[in-house]
Amino acid sequence: MPRKTFDVIVVGNGVLGLSLGLELSRRGQDVAVLGEPHRPYAGSTAAGAMLGCFGEVTRTLVSTEAGRAKLELGIKASELWPDWLAGLGDGAAEEIVTADGTTVILNTIGTAEIDDVNFNIIRDELERYDTPFEDVDPLDLDWVDAEPISRPLRAFHIPGEHAVSAPALLTRLQDAFVAAGGTVVPSAAEHVDYEGDRVTGVTLTSGERLTAAQTALVAGAQTTELLDGTPVGSRIPPLVSGYGVSVLMKTFDGTAPTSVIRTPNRSFACGLHLLPRADGEVYIGATNVISVQPRDIPDMRDVVFLMQCAHRQIRMGLWYSPVKKIQVGNRPVSVDGFPLVGAGGMTGLWVMTGTYRDGLHLSPLLAGEMAARILGEPGSVDLDLFAPVRRPIQTLSRERIVNDTYEEMFAIGPEQDWTLPADWHAWIEMDLRPALARWADEIDPEFTPPAELLFGSRLDQDLLKLLREYYTRTREQW
């Protein structure tokens, strides 16, 4: 590699990293985007890539200031996508966009506390923000052919929430970045280099050093590993992985729906969703398991669970469809559940990650906002709430988080086809709610992690250790 000095180094070659690199290159900066070409542990490569924010809305999200701020970022991002796609070259939109809108279904599998509530909350927020949608009779969902005991009871269609092919988007972004004068470095960063309070660049896994006035960490779930070696790393919420499995299938009859078909978010995950791809292929997602270390190999339980959900809840004929590919991705999840976007606490250091399930959708907006800040210009939206150097964002009471954890845990049962004697529901609740409350007390007397991390820490000693150490550091440093 002949050149080793740049204006900006972007660590991470997923959708967010390439989008930032493209935005900066178009604004006259000499930019290097780093990352291994096959993108191990990335979220982008396995993403369903739904271009929407309302389909992800939950009661928990909109009940807090931080959650609503995140939703409104998503709404602004939606407005940018048509021009963003048009800027990726001739025919980009036709090549990348795969679905015409999103159809949200409420079926018999979920629980009232999760599915019914979130289904109605999505509708409420669409009305609040004057976003078009239309009710659909489930009997008119021609492509949907669920098992009778899993059939949809209600449905509505959001015409403005499309989906894209993440691989096609990555290809177009990288081509546009190179065409704009950007440099692709096919190697990962080993650590961040700094002198005193100034970041000077990165050292690659090959041992080579790259220098720049500005370095942006956009490395998803692996960003914490890079921050750990810096003086500011202990003051930024650590990231864990929301490991997920998705499947590409060739449908048995060569057909696919025209829109995304999805349920509301449930069971700590982003709801069951099926997206059309070209030539009779469909994408099915997704699972979500919190893991301290990013994963690249799926567990059998997640693959079996996902495919069972798809053929039972959406289309029985998928049972006869060949599986073309099983994909694994890692969503970057901060331990308080909110993005890390902005100045990294050292001169020349920037962080843009922790976007959980929303990174690809937010990419045009965050790329523009981060580029402006790197260049010393004011942004158009307020991102101060999500500044990387911060105390944990605590938006909900411990009692509320414990309640949410219990409800999400209980919602796993119906999707796994469990059957319980009627009185067992009350017995489980009597024992499980107090056990979760005691567990939250054991983690920390003051801070409570989001529901999925509270749940996961009971099974994962590494996650428990990470949380306890982070909360202790927070009290010492703030």
Protein backbone atom coordinates (compact mmCIF):
# COMPACT_ATOMS: atom_id res chain seq x y z
CA MET A 1 0.00 0.00 0.00
CA PRO A 2 1.87 3.10 -1.24
CA ARG A 3 0.00 5.78 0.71
CA LYS A 4 -0.18 5.85 4.48
CA THR A 5 -1.39 9.38 5.30
CA PHE A 6 -4.94 10.63 4.84
CA ASP A 7 -7.23 13.43 5.97
CA VAL A 8 -9.66 10.97 7.55
CA ILE A 9 -9.47 7.27 8.38
CA VAL A 10 -12.79 5.45 8.70
CA VAL A 11 -12.43 2.17 10.57
CA GLY A 12 -15.21 -0.13 9.39
CA ASN A 13 -16.38 -1.01 5.87
CA GLY A 14 -20.05 -1.80 6.51
CA VAL A 15 -22.86 0.39 5.25
CA LEU A 16 -22.27 3.09 7.88
CA GLY A 17 -18.50 3.22 7.32
CA LEU A 18 -18.76 3.33 3.53
CA SER A 19 -21.51 5.95 3.71
CA LEU A 20 -19.37 8.20 5.90
CA GLY A 21 -16.35 7.66 3.65
CA LEU A 22 -18.43 8.53 0.58
CA GLU A 23 -19.86 11.69 2.16
CA LEU A 24 -16.41 12.91 3.22
CA SER A 25 -14.83 12.09 -0.15
CA ARG A 26 -17.53 14.01 -1.96
CA ARG A 27 -16.68 16.96 0.26
CA GLY A 28 -13.05 16.98 -0.84
CA GLN A 29 -11.45 14.90 1.90
CA ASP A 30 -8.74 12.29 1.29
CA VAL A 31 -10.34 9.29 2.99
CA ALA A 32 -9.36 5.69 3.69
CA VAL A 33 -12.02 3.15 4.66
CA LEU A 34 -10.57 0.10 6.43
CA GLY A 35 -11.96 -3.38 6.74
CA GLU A 36 -11.50 -6.96 5.65
CA PRO A 37 -13.29 -7.51 2.32
CA HIS A 38 -15.47 -10.38 3.57
CA ARG A 39 -16.60 -8.25 6.54
CA PRO A 40 -16.44 -10.83 9.33
CA TYR A 41 -18.76 -10.13 12.28
CA ALA A 42 -20.50 -7.27 10.44
CA GLY A 43 -24.19 -6.56 10.70
CA SER A 44 -24.60 -5.16 7.17
CA THR A 45 -23.90 -8.37 5.27
CA ALA A 46 -26.69 -10.32 6.97
CA ALA A 47 -29.20 -7.48 7.25
CA GLY A 48 -32.71 -7.60 5.85
CA ALA A 49 -32.24 -3.87 5.27
CA MET A 50 -35.74 -2.57 5.81
CA LEU A 51 -35.84 1.14 5.00
CA GLY A 52 -38.23 2.16 7.69
CA CYS A 53 -38.56 3.16 11.26
CA PHE A 54 -42.23 2.77 12.12
CA GLY A 55 -42.23 -1.00 11.72
CA GLU A 56 -39.68 -1.15 14.57
CA VAL A 57 -41.67 1.03 16.96
CA THR A 58 -42.47 -0.41 20.38
CA ARG A 59 -44.20 0.85 23.49
CA THR A 60 -40.84 1.02 25.26
CA LEU A 61 -39.22 3.08 22.49
CA VAL A 62 -41.80 5.86 22.44
CA SER A 63 -42.28 6.07 26.20
CA THR A 64 -38.93 7.84 26.70
CA GLU A 65 -37.32 11.04 25.45
CA ALA A 66 -34.27 9.21 24.15
CA GLY A 67 -36.39 6.62 22.37
CA ARG A 68 -38.51 9.24 20.66
CA ALA A 69 -35.37 11.14 19.65
CA LYS A 70 -34.09 7.96 18.01
CA LEU A 71 -37.41 7.46 16.20
CA GLU A 72 -37.31 11.00 14.87
CA LEU A 73 -33.80 10.43 13.52
CA GLY A 74 -35.24 7.49 11.62
CA ILE A 75 -38.06 9.61 10.21
CA LYS A 76 -35.53 12.18 8.95
CA ALA A 77 -33.43 9.41 7.43
CA SER A 78 -36.46 8.11 5.51
CA GLU A 79 -36.72 11.45 3.74
CA LEU A 80 -33.12 11.22 2.52
CA TRP A 81 -33.15 7.77 0.93
CA PRO A 82 -34.55 8.62 -2.54
CA ASP A 83 -31.80 11.19 -3.22
CA TRP A 84 -29.18 8.99 -1.56
CA LEU A 85 -29.98 6.07 -3.84
CA ALA A 86 -30.09 8.35 -6.88
CA GLY A 87 -26.57 9.49 -6.03
CA LEU A 88 -25.20 5.94 -6.21
CA GLY A 89 -25.28 5.80 -10.00
CA ASP A 90 -27.66 5.03 -12.84
CA GLY A 91 -30.17 2.33 -12.05
CA ALA A 92 -29.13 2.12 -8.37
CA ALA A 93 -32.64 2.35 -6.97
CA GLU A 94 -33.96 -0.31 -9.35
CA GLU A 95 -31.05 -2.61 -8.51
CA ILE A 96 -31.06 -2.08 -4.74
CA VAL A 97 -34.71 -1.66 -3.70
CA THR A 98 -36.41 -5.05 -3.41
CA ALA A 99 -39.73 -4.43 -1.66
CA ASP A 100 -42.65 -2.09 -2.21
CA GLY A 101 -43.66 -1.03 1.29
CA THR A 102 -44.14 -3.02 4.48
CA THR A 103 -47.16 -5.02 5.62
CA VAL A 104 -47.39 -5.46 9.38
CA ILE A 105 -49.42 -8.44 10.59
CA LEU A 106 -50.83 -9.23 14.02
CA ASN A 107 -51.16 -12.99 14.31
CA THR A 108 -52.34 -15.48 16.89
CA ILE A 109 -48.84 -16.45 18.01
CA GLY A 110 -47.90 -13.39 20.05
CA THR A 111 -49.06 -12.17 23.43
CA ALA A 112 -51.44 -9.27 23.98
CA GLU A 113 -48.90 -7.43 26.15
CA ILE A 114 -46.31 -7.44 23.35
CA ASP A 115 -47.87 -7.96 19.92
CA ASP A 116 -51.25 -6.29 20.33
CA VAL A 117 -49.77 -3.33 22.18
CA ASN A 118 -46.92 -2.80 19.70
CA PHE A 119 -49.22 -3.29 16.69
CA ASN A 120 -51.43 -0.49 17.97
CA ILE A 121 -48.47 1.69 18.97
CA ILE A 122 -47.11 1.52 15.40
CA ARG A 123 -50.46 2.73 14.08
CA ASP A 124 -50.59 5.50 16.69
CA GLU A 125 -47.14 6.77 15.73
CA LEU A 126 -47.93 6.67 12.02
CA GLU A 127 -50.92 8.89 12.75
CA ARG A 128 -48.90 11.14 15.06
CA TYR A 129 -46.36 11.84 12.32
CA ASP A 130 -48.99 11.99 9.55
CA THR A 131 -47.43 9.04 7.69
CA PRO A 132 -49.67 7.20 5.20
CA PHE A 133 -50.80 3.65 5.91
CA GLU A 134 -53.84 1.58 5.09
CA ASP A 135 -55.63 -1.28 6.80
CA VAL A 136 -55.62 -4.59 4.98
CA ASP A 137 -58.02 -7.50 5.40
CA PRO A 138 -55.84 -10.51 6.30
CA LEU A 139 -57.89 -12.57 3.84
CA ASP A 140 -56.59 -10.31 1.07
CA LEU A 141 -52.94 -11.12 1.83
CA ASP A 142 -52.67 -13.44 -1.16
CA TRP A 143 -49.08 -14.58 -0.61
CA VAL A 144 -49.56 -15.24 3.12
CA ASP A 145 -50.65 -18.79 3.84
CA ALA A 146 -49.97 -19.38 7.54
CA GLU A 147 -50.91 -22.41 9.58
CA PRO A 148 -54.49 -21.97 10.84
CA ILE A 149 -53.37 -21.64 14.46
CA SER A 150 -50.83 -18.95 13.43
CA ARG A 151 -52.99 -16.98 11.00
CA PRO A 152 -52.98 -13.16 10.90
CA LEU A 153 -55.92 -11.46 12.59
CA ARG A 154 -55.22 -7.86 11.54
CA ALA A 155 -52.87 -6.16 9.10
CA PHE A 156 -51.94 -2.78 7.71
CA HIS A 157 -49.62 -1.62 4.93
CA ILE A 158 -47.05 1.18 5.15
CA PRO A 159 -46.37 2.17 1.52
CA GLY A 160 -43.30 4.28 2.33
CA GLU A 161 -41.25 1.67 4.22
CA HIS A 162 -39.34 -0.32 1.61
CA ALA A 163 -36.42 -2.75 1.78
CA VAL A 164 -33.13 -3.04 -0.04
CA SER A 165 -30.60 -5.72 -0.89
CA ALA A 166 -27.75 -5.12 1.54
CA PRO A 167 -25.12 -6.82 -0.71
CA ALA A 168 -26.16 -4.66 -3.68
CA LEU A 169 -26.09 -1.54 -1.52
CA LEU A 170 -22.59 -2.35 -0.22
CA THR A 171 -21.31 -2.84 -3.75
CA ARG A 172 -22.78 0.44 -4.96
CA LEU A 173 -21.48 2.35 -1.94
CA GLN A 174 -17.95 1.04 -2.36
CA ASP A 175 -17.96 1.77 -6.11
CA ALA A 176 -19.21 5.31 -5.48
CA PHE A 177 -16.62 5.83 -2.73
CA VAL A 178 -13.75 4.79 -5.00
CA ALA A 179 -15.14 6.89 -7.87
CA ALA A 180 -15.16 9.90 -5.51
CA GLY A 181 -11.43 9.42 -4.86
CA GLY A 182 -11.63 7.30 -1.71
CA THR A 183 -9.14 4.58 -0.81
CA VAL A 184 -10.26 1.10 0.25
CA VAL A 185 -7.80 -0.56 2.64
CA PRO A 186 -8.56 -4.33 2.78
CA SER A 187 -7.30 -4.80 6.32
CA ALA A 188 -8.64 -4.45 9.85
CA ALA A 189 -7.33 -2.06 12.48
CA GLU A 190 -5.45 -3.64 15.36
CA HIS A 191 -5.51 -0.59 17.62
CA VAL A 192 -5.90 3.20 17.70
CA ASP A 193 -2.66 5.22 17.82
CA TYR A 194 -2.44 8.39 19.87
CA GLU A 195 -0.01 10.87 21.37
CA GLY A 196 -1.19 12.48 24.59
CA ASP A 197 -4.80 13.52 24.02
CA ARG A 198 -4.61 13.40 20.21
CA VAL A 199 -5.43 10.40 18.03
CA THR A 200 -2.95 10.12 15.17
CA GLY A 201 -4.30 7.14 13.24
CA VAL A 202 -4.38 3.36 13.49
CA THR A 203 -2.12 0.36 13.31
CA LEU A 204 -3.36 -2.42 11.04
CA THR A 205 -3.33 -6.12 11.87
CA SER A 206 -0.45 -6.36 9.38
CA GLY A 207 1.60 -4.01 11.57
CA GLU A 208 1.44 -1.10 9.10
CA ARG A 209 0.54 2.31 10.49
CA LEU A 210 -1.83 4.76 8.84
CA THR A 211 -1.97 8.38 9.98
CA ALA A 212 -4.68 11.02 9.70
CA ALA A 213 -5.86 14.20 11.36
CA GLN A 214 -9.23 12.56 12.02
CA THR A 215 -10.12 8.94 12.79
CA ALA A 216 -13.70 7.69 12.89
CA LEU A 217 -14.50 4.35 14.53
CA VAL A 218 -17.43 2.82 12.68
CA ALA A 219 -16.54 -0.80 13.38
CA GLY A 220 -19.85 -1.96 14.82
CA ALA A 221 -19.69 -4.43 17.68
CA GLN A 222 -15.88 -4.49 17.49
CA THR A 223 -15.51 -0.77 18.24
CA THR A 224 -15.14 -1.34 22.00
CA GLU A 225 -12.04 -3.46 21.44
CA LEU A 226 -10.42 -0.51 19.63
CA LEU A 227 -11.52 1.98 22.28
CA ASP A 228 -10.22 -0.14 25.17
CA GLY A 229 -6.66 0.83 24.38
CA THR A 230 -7.33 4.58 24.57
CA PRO A 231 -7.53 6.89 27.61
CA VAL A 232 -11.21 7.59 26.90
CA GLY A 233 -12.34 4.00 26.38
CA SER A 234 -13.50 3.53 29.97
CA ARG A 235 -15.82 6.56 29.73
CA ILE A 236 -17.77 5.30 26.72
CA PRO A 237 -20.51 2.66 27.13
CA PRO A 238 -19.13 -0.66 25.89
CA LEU A 239 -20.73 -2.46 22.98
CA VAL A 240 -21.95 -6.02 22.78
CA SER A 241 -23.28 -7.94 19.81
CA GLY A 242 -26.91 -8.52 18.99
CA TYR A 243 -26.06 -11.74 17.15
CA GLY A 244 -28.70 -12.71 14.61
CA VAL A 245 -29.38 -15.36 11.99
CA SER A 246 -31.10 -14.83 8.65
CA VAL A 247 -31.87 -17.21 5.79
CA LEU A 248 -32.11 -16.85 2.02
CA MET A 249 -34.52 -19.32 0.40
CA LYS A 250 -35.64 -20.08 -3.13
CA THR A 251 -39.39 -20.44 -2.80
CA PHE A 252 -40.94 -23.75 -3.80
CA ASP A 253 -43.18 -22.12 -6.41
CA GLY A 254 -40.82 -19.37 -7.56
CA THR A 255 -42.99 -16.58 -6.19
CA ALA A 256 -42.36 -13.85 -3.62
CA PRO A 257 -44.50 -11.13 -2.05
CA THR A 258 -44.18 -7.59 -3.38
CA SER A 259 -43.77 -6.04 0.09
CA VAL A 260 -42.04 -6.78 3.37
CA ILE A 261 -44.22 -8.95 5.60
CA ARG A 262 -43.46 -8.63 9.29
CA THR A 263 -44.82 -8.90 12.80
CA PRO A 264 -44.21 -6.25 15.46
CA ASN A 265 -41.04 -6.55 17.52
CA ARG A 266 -41.27 -9.36 20.04
CA SER A 267 -39.20 -11.54 22.35
CA PHE A 268 -36.15 -9.22 22.46
CA ALA A 269 -35.92 -9.36 18.66
CA CYS A 270 -37.16 -7.37 15.67
CA GLY A 271 -40.17 -9.49 14.89
CA LEU A 272 -40.45 -12.18 12.25
CA HIS A 273 -39.97 -10.66 8.80
CA LEU A 274 -39.84 -11.90 5.23
CA LEU A 275 -38.57 -9.78 2.34
CA PRO A 276 -38.68 -10.39 -1.41
CA ARG A 277 -35.47 -10.74 -3.35
CA ALA A 278 -34.98 -11.32 -7.07
CA ASP A 279 -35.85 -14.49 -8.99
CA GLY A 280 -38.22 -16.03 -6.48
CA GLU A 281 -35.91 -15.70 -3.50
CA VAL A 282 -36.94 -14.46 -0.08
CA TYR A 283 -34.97 -13.28 2.92
CA ILE A 284 -36.18 -14.41 6.34
CA GLY A 285 -35.10 -12.86 9.64
CA ALA A 286 -34.38 -12.45 12.36
CA THR A 287 -33.19 -13.68 15.68
CA ASN A 288 -31.42 -11.61 18.32
CA VAL A 289 -29.18 -12.98 21.06
CA ILE A 290 -26.97 -10.68 23.12
CA SER A 291 -23.37 -11.87 23.07
CA VAL A 292 -20.25 -10.18 24.46
CA GLN A 293 -18.20 -11.52 21.56
CA PRO A 294 -19.39 -11.17 17.94
CA ARG A 295 -20.40 -14.45 16.32
CA ASP A 296 -19.81 -15.82 12.82
CA ILE A 297 -21.36 -19.30 13.14
CA PRO A 298 -25.05 -19.87 13.95
CA ASP A 299 -26.43 -22.13 16.64
CA MET A 300 -28.79 -24.88 15.51
CA ARG A 301 -31.53 -23.58 17.82
CA ASP A 302 -31.62 -20.20 16.06
CA VAL A 303 -31.74 -21.64 12.54
CA VAL A 304 -34.46 -24.16 13.40
CA PHE A 305 -36.50 -21.58 15.32
CA LEU A 306 -36.35 -19.03 12.51
CA MET A 307 -37.40 -21.41 9.75
CA GLN A 308 -40.18 -22.91 11.84
CA CYS A 309 -41.55 -19.45 12.53
CA ALA A 310 -41.46 -18.57 8.82
CA HIS A 311 -43.37 -21.55 7.50
CA ARG A 312 -45.87 -21.58 10.34
CA GLN A 313 -46.61 -17.87 10.58
CA ILE A 314 -46.18 -16.65 7.00
CA ARG A 315 -46.31 -19.38 4.33
CA MET A 316 -46.62 -23.10 4.89
CA GLY A 317 -45.10 -23.89 1.50
CA LEU A 318 -41.73 -22.60 2.69
CA TRP A 319 -41.39 -26.02 4.30
CA TYR A 320 -40.67 -27.37 0.79
CA SER A 321 -38.35 -24.54 -0.26
CA PRO A 322 -34.59 -25.01 -0.67
CA VAL A 323 -32.34 -23.04 1.65
CA LYS A 324 -29.69 -21.20 -0.35
CA LYS A 325 -27.76 -19.50 2.41
CA ILE A 326 -27.67 -19.11 6.20
CA GLN A 327 -26.25 -15.75 7.28
CA VAL A 328 -24.93 -14.49 10.61
CA GLY A 329 -24.69 -10.83 11.56
CA ASN A 330 -23.79 -8.81 14.63
CA ARG A 331 -25.76 -5.70 15.48
CA PRO A 332 -23.76 -3.19 17.56
CA VAL A 333 -25.59 -2.75 20.87
CA SER A 334 -24.38 -0.31 23.50
CA VAL A 335 -25.01 -1.48 27.04
CA ASP A 336 -27.57 1.30 27.57
CA GLY A 337 -29.28 0.51 24.26
CA PHE A 338 -28.68 3.83 22.48
CA PRO A 339 -26.35 4.98 19.68
CA LEU A 340 -22.85 6.34 20.18
CA VAL A 341 -22.51 9.17 17.68
CA GLY A 342 -20.14 12.14 17.82
CA ALA A 343 -16.81 13.30 19.20
CA GLY A 344 -14.92 10.52 20.96
CA GLY A 345 -13.38 12.53 23.80
CA MET A 346 -9.90 12.87 22.26
CA THR A 347 -8.74 15.30 19.59
CA GLY A 348 -9.23 13.71 16.18
CA LEU A 349 -11.38 10.82 17.44
CA TRP A 350 -14.98 10.20 16.32
CA VAL A 351 -17.36 7.35 17.05
CA MET A 352 -20.41 6.28 15.04
CA THR A 353 -21.89 2.97 16.14
CA GLY A 354 -24.29 1.42 18.67
CA THR A 355 -27.17 1.83 16.22
CA TYR A 356 -28.52 -1.66 17.03
CA ARG A 357 -31.10 -2.50 14.32
CA ASP A 358 -31.19 0.95 12.73
CA GLY A 359 -27.70 1.55 11.34
CA LEU A 360 -28.39 0.83 7.69
CA HIS A 361 -31.61 2.84 7.67
CA LEU A 362 -29.93 5.78 9.44
CA SER A 363 -26.80 5.70 7.25
CA PRO A 364 -27.55 8.65 4.90
CA LEU A 365 -28.48 10.89 7.82
CA LEU A 366 -25.64 9.90 10.16
CA ALA A 367 -23.06 10.05 7.36
CA GLY A 368 -24.00 13.64 6.59
CA GLU A 369 -24.19 14.69 10.23
CA MET A 370 -20.89 13.08 11.17
CA ALA A 371 -19.13 14.47 8.10
CA ALA A 372 -20.26 17.98 9.03
CA ARG A 373 -18.95 17.62 12.57
CA ILE A 374 -15.62 16.18 11.42
CA LEU A 375 -15.22 19.20 9.14
CA GLY A 376 -16.03 21.60 11.97
CA GLU A 377 -19.47 22.53 10.72
CA PRO A 378 -22.76 22.54 12.66
CA GLY A 379 -25.08 19.63 12.13
CA SER A 380 -28.74 19.88 11.19
CA VAL A 381 -30.01 17.58 13.94
CA ASP A 382 -29.23 17.43 17.66
CA LEU A 383 -27.15 14.36 18.50
CA ASP A 384 -25.92 15.54 21.91
CA LEU A 385 -28.06 12.97 23.73
CA PHE A 386 -26.10 10.20 22.01
CA ALA A 387 -22.61 11.63 22.60
CA PRO A 388 -20.21 8.68 23.04
CA VAL A 389 -18.60 9.98 26.24
CA ARG A 390 -21.51 9.77 28.67
CA ARG A 391 -23.06 8.16 31.67
CA PRO A 392 -25.45 5.31 30.87
CA ILE A 393 -28.74 6.60 29.50
CA GLN A 394 -31.33 5.42 32.02
CA THR A 395 -34.76 6.04 30.53
CA LEU A 396 -36.89 3.58 32.50
CA SER A 397 -37.31 2.63 36.13
CA ARG A 398 -35.98 -0.70 37.36
CA GLU A 399 -39.54 -1.85 37.96
CA ARG A 400 -40.50 -1.07 34.36
CA ILE A 401 -37.43 -2.85 32.93
CA VAL A 402 -38.10 -5.92 35.06
CA ASN A 403 -41.70 -5.92 33.85
CA ASP A 404 -40.63 -5.58 30.21
CA THR A 405 -38.10 -8.39 30.64
CA TYR A 406 -40.72 -10.69 32.06
CA GLU A 407 -43.19 -9.95 29.26
CA GLU A 408 -40.60 -10.42 26.51
CA MET A 409 -39.42 -13.68 28.08
CA PHE A 410 -42.95 -14.98 28.37
CA ALA A 411 -43.61 -14.09 24.72
CA ILE A 412 -40.91 -16.56 23.64
CA GLY A 413 -43.17 -19.45 24.72
CA PRO A 414 -45.98 -19.20 22.14
CA GLU A 415 -43.50 -18.99 19.28
CA GLN A 416 -41.93 -22.21 20.57
CA ASP A 417 -45.34 -23.94 20.57
CA TRP A 418 -45.48 -24.41 24.29
CA THR A 419 -48.71 -25.40 26.00
CA LEU A 420 -49.36 -24.73 29.66
CA PRO A 421 -52.14 -25.63 32.05
CA ALA A 422 -54.14 -22.47 32.70
CA ASP A 423 -52.96 -21.95 36.27
CA TRP A 424 -49.28 -22.25 35.31
CA HIS A 425 -49.27 -18.76 33.80
CA ALA A 426 -49.90 -17.29 37.23
CA TRP A 427 -47.40 -19.61 38.93
CA ILE A 428 -44.65 -18.70 36.47
CA GLU A 429 -45.32 -15.00 36.92
CA MET A 430 -45.32 -15.34 40.73
CA ASP A 431 -41.83 -16.84 40.65
CA LEU A 432 -40.23 -15.17 37.64
CA ARG A 433 -40.99 -11.49 38.29
CA PRO A 434 -39.42 -11.49 41.81
CA ALA A 435 -36.45 -13.51 40.50
CA LEU A 436 -35.79 -10.92 37.80
CA ALA A 437 -36.08 -8.08 40.32
CA ARG A 438 -33.58 -9.78 42.62
CA TRP A 439 -31.26 -10.36 39.67
CA ALA A 440 -31.36 -6.68 38.73
CA ASP A 441 -30.40 -5.83 42.32
CA GLU A 442 -27.48 -8.23 42.13
CA ILE A 443 -26.12 -6.65 38.95
CA ASP A 444 -25.98 -3.15 40.42
CA PRO A 445 -27.76 -1.17 43.14
CA GLU A 446 -28.28 1.88 40.89
CA PHE A 447 -28.13 1.08 37.17
CA THR A 448 -30.37 -1.34 35.29
CA PRO A 449 -29.49 -2.56 31.79
CA PRO A 450 -32.10 -2.78 29.01
CA ALA A 451 -34.40 -5.78 29.11
CA GLU A 452 -32.47 -7.94 26.64
CA LEU A 453 -29.22 -7.41 28.55
CA LEU A 454 -30.91 -8.07 31.89
CA PHE A 455 -32.24 -11.32 30.44
CA GLY A 456 -28.96 -12.29 28.78
CA SER A 457 -26.79 -11.61 31.82
CA ARG A 458 -28.48 -14.41 33.77
CA LEU A 459 -27.06 -16.90 31.29
CA ASP A 460 -23.79 -15.23 30.30
CA GLN A 461 -21.14 -14.69 32.96
CA ASP A 462 -19.03 -12.57 30.59
CA LEU A 463 -21.94 -10.18 30.06
CA LEU A 464 -22.60 -10.02 33.79
CA LYS A 465 -18.94 -9.19 34.45
CA LEU A 466 -18.92 -6.53 31.73
CA LEU A 467 -22.01 -4.82 33.16
CA ARG A 468 -20.79 -4.84 36.75
CA GLU A 469 -17.37 -3.47 35.82
CA TYR A 470 -18.85 -0.77 33.61
CA TYR A 471 -21.28 0.44 36.28
CA THR A 472 -18.48 0.52 38.85
CA ARG A 473 -16.32 2.61 36.47
CA THR A 474 -19.24 4.93 35.83
CA ARG A 475 -19.60 5.77 39.52
CA GLU A 476 -15.85 6.31 39.87
CA GLN A 477 -15.52 8.55 36.81
CA TRP A 478 -18.74 10.56 36.86
